[in-house]
Amino acid sequence: MVKMRPMWEINAEIVSDVYGGYVDWDERFYNCPECDEPIYECDWSPAELKECICPICGFVEGEGEED
């Protein structure tokens, strides 16, 4: 049986590993790498967090990066 990881956890790892951003695993929030707003797991649905890293400013992973 495969257990799906919450979208918040996937985004939090991206914020930490790719952008060097702050993640509070106990309180379950990360700071957006773009606008620095805290993104709490309890405030956003998995669908909202799948669309972007930050539902507040709309930051998407890799946005603005050149190949």
N, C-alpha and C. Protein backbone atom coordinates (compact mmCIF):
# COMPACT_ATOMS: atom_id res chain seq x y z
N MET A 1 0.83 -1.18 0.00
CA MET A 1 0.00 0.00 0.00
C MET A 1 0.88 1.25 0.00
N VAL A 2 0.65 2.14 -0.94
CA VAL A 2 1.43 3.36 -1.07
C VAL A 2 0.68 4.50 -0.38
N LYS A 3 1.38 5.19 0.50
CA LYS A 3 0.76 6.32 1.19
C LYS A 3 1.20 7.62 0.51
N MET A 4 0.22 8.43 0.14
CA MET A 4 0.51 9.71 -0.50
C MET A 4 0.96 10.72 0.55
N ARG A 5 2.00 11.46 0.24
CA ARG A 5 2.46 12.51 1.14
C ARG A 5 1.61 13.76 0.94
N PRO A 6 1.34 14.47 2.03
CA PRO A 6 0.58 15.72 1.88
C PRO A 6 1.32 16.72 0.99
N MET A 7 0.58 17.44 0.19
CA MET A 7 1.16 18.44 -0.72
C MET A 7 1.95 19.48 0.06
N TRP A 8 1.50 19.82 1.27
CA TRP A 8 2.22 20.80 2.08
C TRP A 8 3.65 20.31 2.34
N GLU A 9 3.82 19.02 2.66
CA GLU A 9 5.15 18.47 2.93
C GLU A 9 6.04 18.53 1.70
N ILE A 10 5.48 18.23 0.55
CA ILE A 10 6.25 18.29 -0.70
C ILE A 10 6.73 19.72 -0.94
N ASN A 11 5.82 20.68 -0.81
CA ASN A 11 6.19 22.09 -0.99
C ASN A 11 7.21 22.53 0.05
N ALA A 12 7.03 22.10 1.29
CA ALA A 12 7.96 22.48 2.36
C ALA A 12 9.37 21.98 2.06
N GLU A 13 9.49 20.78 1.55
CA GLU A 13 10.81 20.25 1.19
C GLU A 13 11.42 21.05 0.05
N ILE A 14 10.62 21.44 -0.92
CA ILE A 14 11.12 22.26 -2.03
C ILE A 14 11.61 23.61 -1.49
N VAL A 15 10.81 24.23 -0.63
CA VAL A 15 11.19 25.52 -0.05
C VAL A 15 12.52 25.39 0.69
N SER A 16 12.67 24.34 1.48
CA SER A 16 13.89 24.15 2.26
C SER A 16 15.09 23.76 1.39
N ASP A 17 14.92 22.73 0.56
CA ASP A 17 16.05 22.16 -0.19
C ASP A 17 16.45 22.99 -1.40
N VAL A 18 15.49 23.52 -2.14
CA VAL A 18 15.79 24.25 -3.37
C VAL A 18 16.08 25.73 -3.09
N TYR A 19 15.27 26.34 -2.23
CA TYR A 19 15.36 27.79 -2.01
C TYR A 19 16.02 28.17 -0.68
N GLY A 20 16.33 27.20 0.16
CA GLY A 20 16.96 27.50 1.45
C GLY A 20 16.04 28.24 2.39
N GLY A 21 14.74 28.09 2.19
CA GLY A 21 13.75 28.81 3.01
C GLY A 21 13.50 28.14 4.35
N TYR A 22 12.81 28.88 5.20
CA TYR A 22 12.50 28.42 6.55
C TYR A 22 11.25 27.54 6.55
N VAL A 23 11.36 26.39 7.22
CA VAL A 23 10.22 25.49 7.42
C VAL A 23 10.14 25.17 8.90
N ASP A 24 8.96 25.32 9.49
CA ASP A 24 8.72 24.92 10.87
C ASP A 24 7.88 23.65 10.82
N TRP A 25 8.53 22.51 11.02
CA TRP A 25 7.85 21.22 10.89
C TRP A 25 6.91 20.96 12.06
N ASP A 26 7.16 21.57 13.22
CA ASP A 26 6.27 21.39 14.37
C ASP A 26 4.97 22.18 14.21
N GLU A 27 5.08 23.43 13.84
CA GLU A 27 3.91 24.30 13.66
C GLU A 27 3.29 24.15 12.27
N ARG A 28 4.00 23.43 11.38
CA ARG A 28 3.53 23.12 10.04
C ARG A 28 3.30 24.36 9.18
N PHE A 29 4.37 25.17 9.05
CA PHE A 29 4.34 26.28 8.11
C PHE A 29 5.71 26.47 7.51
N TYR A 30 5.73 27.06 6.31
CA TYR A 30 6.97 27.47 5.68
C TYR A 30 6.80 28.90 5.20
N ASN A 31 7.91 29.61 5.06
CA ASN A 31 7.87 30.97 4.54
C ASN A 31 8.08 30.92 3.03
N CYS A 32 7.21 31.62 2.32
CA CYS A 32 7.32 31.67 0.86
C CYS A 32 8.67 32.27 0.47
N PRO A 33 9.39 31.64 -0.46
CA PRO A 33 10.68 32.18 -0.90
C PRO A 33 10.56 33.53 -1.62
N GLU A 34 9.38 33.84 -2.14
CA GLU A 34 9.18 35.07 -2.90
C GLU A 34 8.69 36.23 -2.01
N CYS A 35 7.59 36.02 -1.29
CA CYS A 35 6.99 37.12 -0.51
C CYS A 35 7.22 37.00 0.99
N ASP A 36 7.80 35.89 1.45
CA ASP A 36 8.15 35.64 2.85
C ASP A 36 6.93 35.48 3.76
N GLU A 37 5.74 35.33 3.20
CA GLU A 37 4.54 35.08 4.01
C GLU A 37 4.57 33.65 4.53
N PRO A 38 4.11 33.42 5.77
CA PRO A 38 4.03 32.05 6.27
C PRO A 38 2.85 31.31 5.63
N ILE A 39 3.12 30.09 5.17
CA ILE A 39 2.10 29.25 4.56
C ILE A 39 1.83 28.08 5.50
N TYR A 40 0.73 28.19 6.25
CA TYR A 40 0.35 27.16 7.21
C TYR A 40 -0.44 26.06 6.51
N GLU A 41 -0.10 24.83 6.82
CA GLU A 41 -0.78 23.69 6.22
C GLU A 41 -2.30 23.75 6.46
N CYS A 42 -2.70 24.17 7.64
CA CYS A 42 -4.13 24.17 8.00
C CYS A 42 -4.94 25.24 7.26
N ASP A 43 -4.29 26.21 6.65
CA ASP A 43 -4.99 27.31 5.97
C ASP A 43 -5.27 27.04 4.49
N TRP A 44 -4.66 26.02 3.92
CA TRP A 44 -4.74 25.82 2.47
C TRP A 44 -5.09 24.37 2.15
N SER A 45 -5.87 24.19 1.11
CA SER A 45 -6.23 22.84 0.67
C SER A 45 -5.08 22.23 -0.13
N PRO A 46 -5.03 20.90 -0.22
CA PRO A 46 -4.01 20.27 -1.07
C PRO A 46 -4.07 20.75 -2.52
N ALA A 47 -5.28 21.00 -3.01
CA ALA A 47 -5.43 21.48 -4.41
C ALA A 47 -4.79 22.85 -4.57
N GLU A 48 -4.97 23.74 -3.60
CA GLU A 48 -4.36 25.08 -3.67
C GLU A 48 -2.85 24.98 -3.62
N LEU A 49 -2.34 24.08 -2.77
CA LEU A 49 -0.89 23.93 -2.63
C LEU A 49 -0.27 23.19 -3.79
N LYS A 50 -1.08 22.44 -4.54
CA LYS A 50 -0.56 21.76 -5.74
C LYS A 50 -0.35 22.76 -6.87
N GLU A 51 -1.18 23.79 -6.92
CA GLU A 51 -1.09 24.80 -7.97
C GLU A 51 0.16 25.66 -7.84
N CYS A 52 0.55 25.97 -6.60
CA CYS A 52 1.71 26.84 -6.39
C CYS A 52 2.29 26.65 -5.00
N ILE A 53 3.50 27.11 -4.82
CA ILE A 53 4.16 27.06 -3.52
C ILE A 53 3.47 28.02 -2.55
N CYS A 54 3.07 29.19 -3.07
CA CYS A 54 2.46 30.22 -2.23
C CYS A 54 1.12 30.67 -2.81
N PRO A 55 0.02 30.28 -2.17
CA PRO A 55 -1.29 30.73 -2.63
C PRO A 55 -1.52 32.23 -2.40
N ILE A 56 -0.68 32.87 -1.63
CA ILE A 56 -0.84 34.30 -1.37
C ILE A 56 -0.33 35.13 -2.55
N CYS A 57 0.92 34.88 -2.97
CA CYS A 57 1.50 35.67 -4.07
C CYS A 57 1.50 34.91 -5.40
N GLY A 58 1.18 33.61 -5.36
CA GLY A 58 1.13 32.82 -6.58
C GLY A 58 2.48 32.27 -7.03
N PHE A 59 3.48 32.27 -6.14
CA PHE A 59 4.82 31.78 -6.49
C PHE A 59 4.77 30.31 -6.89
N VAL A 60 5.38 29.99 -8.02
CA VAL A 60 5.45 28.63 -8.55
C VAL A 60 6.91 28.23 -8.64
N GLU A 61 7.20 26.99 -8.28
CA GLU A 61 8.57 26.49 -8.34
C GLU A 61 9.13 26.66 -9.73
N GLY A 62 10.34 27.20 -9.82
CA GLY A 62 11.02 27.38 -11.09
C GLY A 62 10.59 28.61 -11.86
N GLU A 63 9.63 29.35 -11.35
CA GLU A 63 9.15 30.53 -12.05
C GLU A 63 10.28 31.57 -12.13
N GLY A 64 10.49 32.09 -13.29
CA GLY A 64 11.51 33.12 -13.46
C GLY A 64 12.91 32.58 -13.67
N GLU A 65 13.09 31.26 -13.56
CA GLU A 65 14.40 30.66 -13.77
C GLU A 65 14.61 30.43 -15.26
N GLU A 66 15.86 30.60 -15.69
CA GLU A 66 16.19 30.34 -17.09
C GLU A 66 16.83 28.98 -17.21
N ASP A 67 16.62 28.29 -18.34
CA ASP A 67 17.20 26.96 -18.55
C ASP A 67 18.66 27.05 -18.87
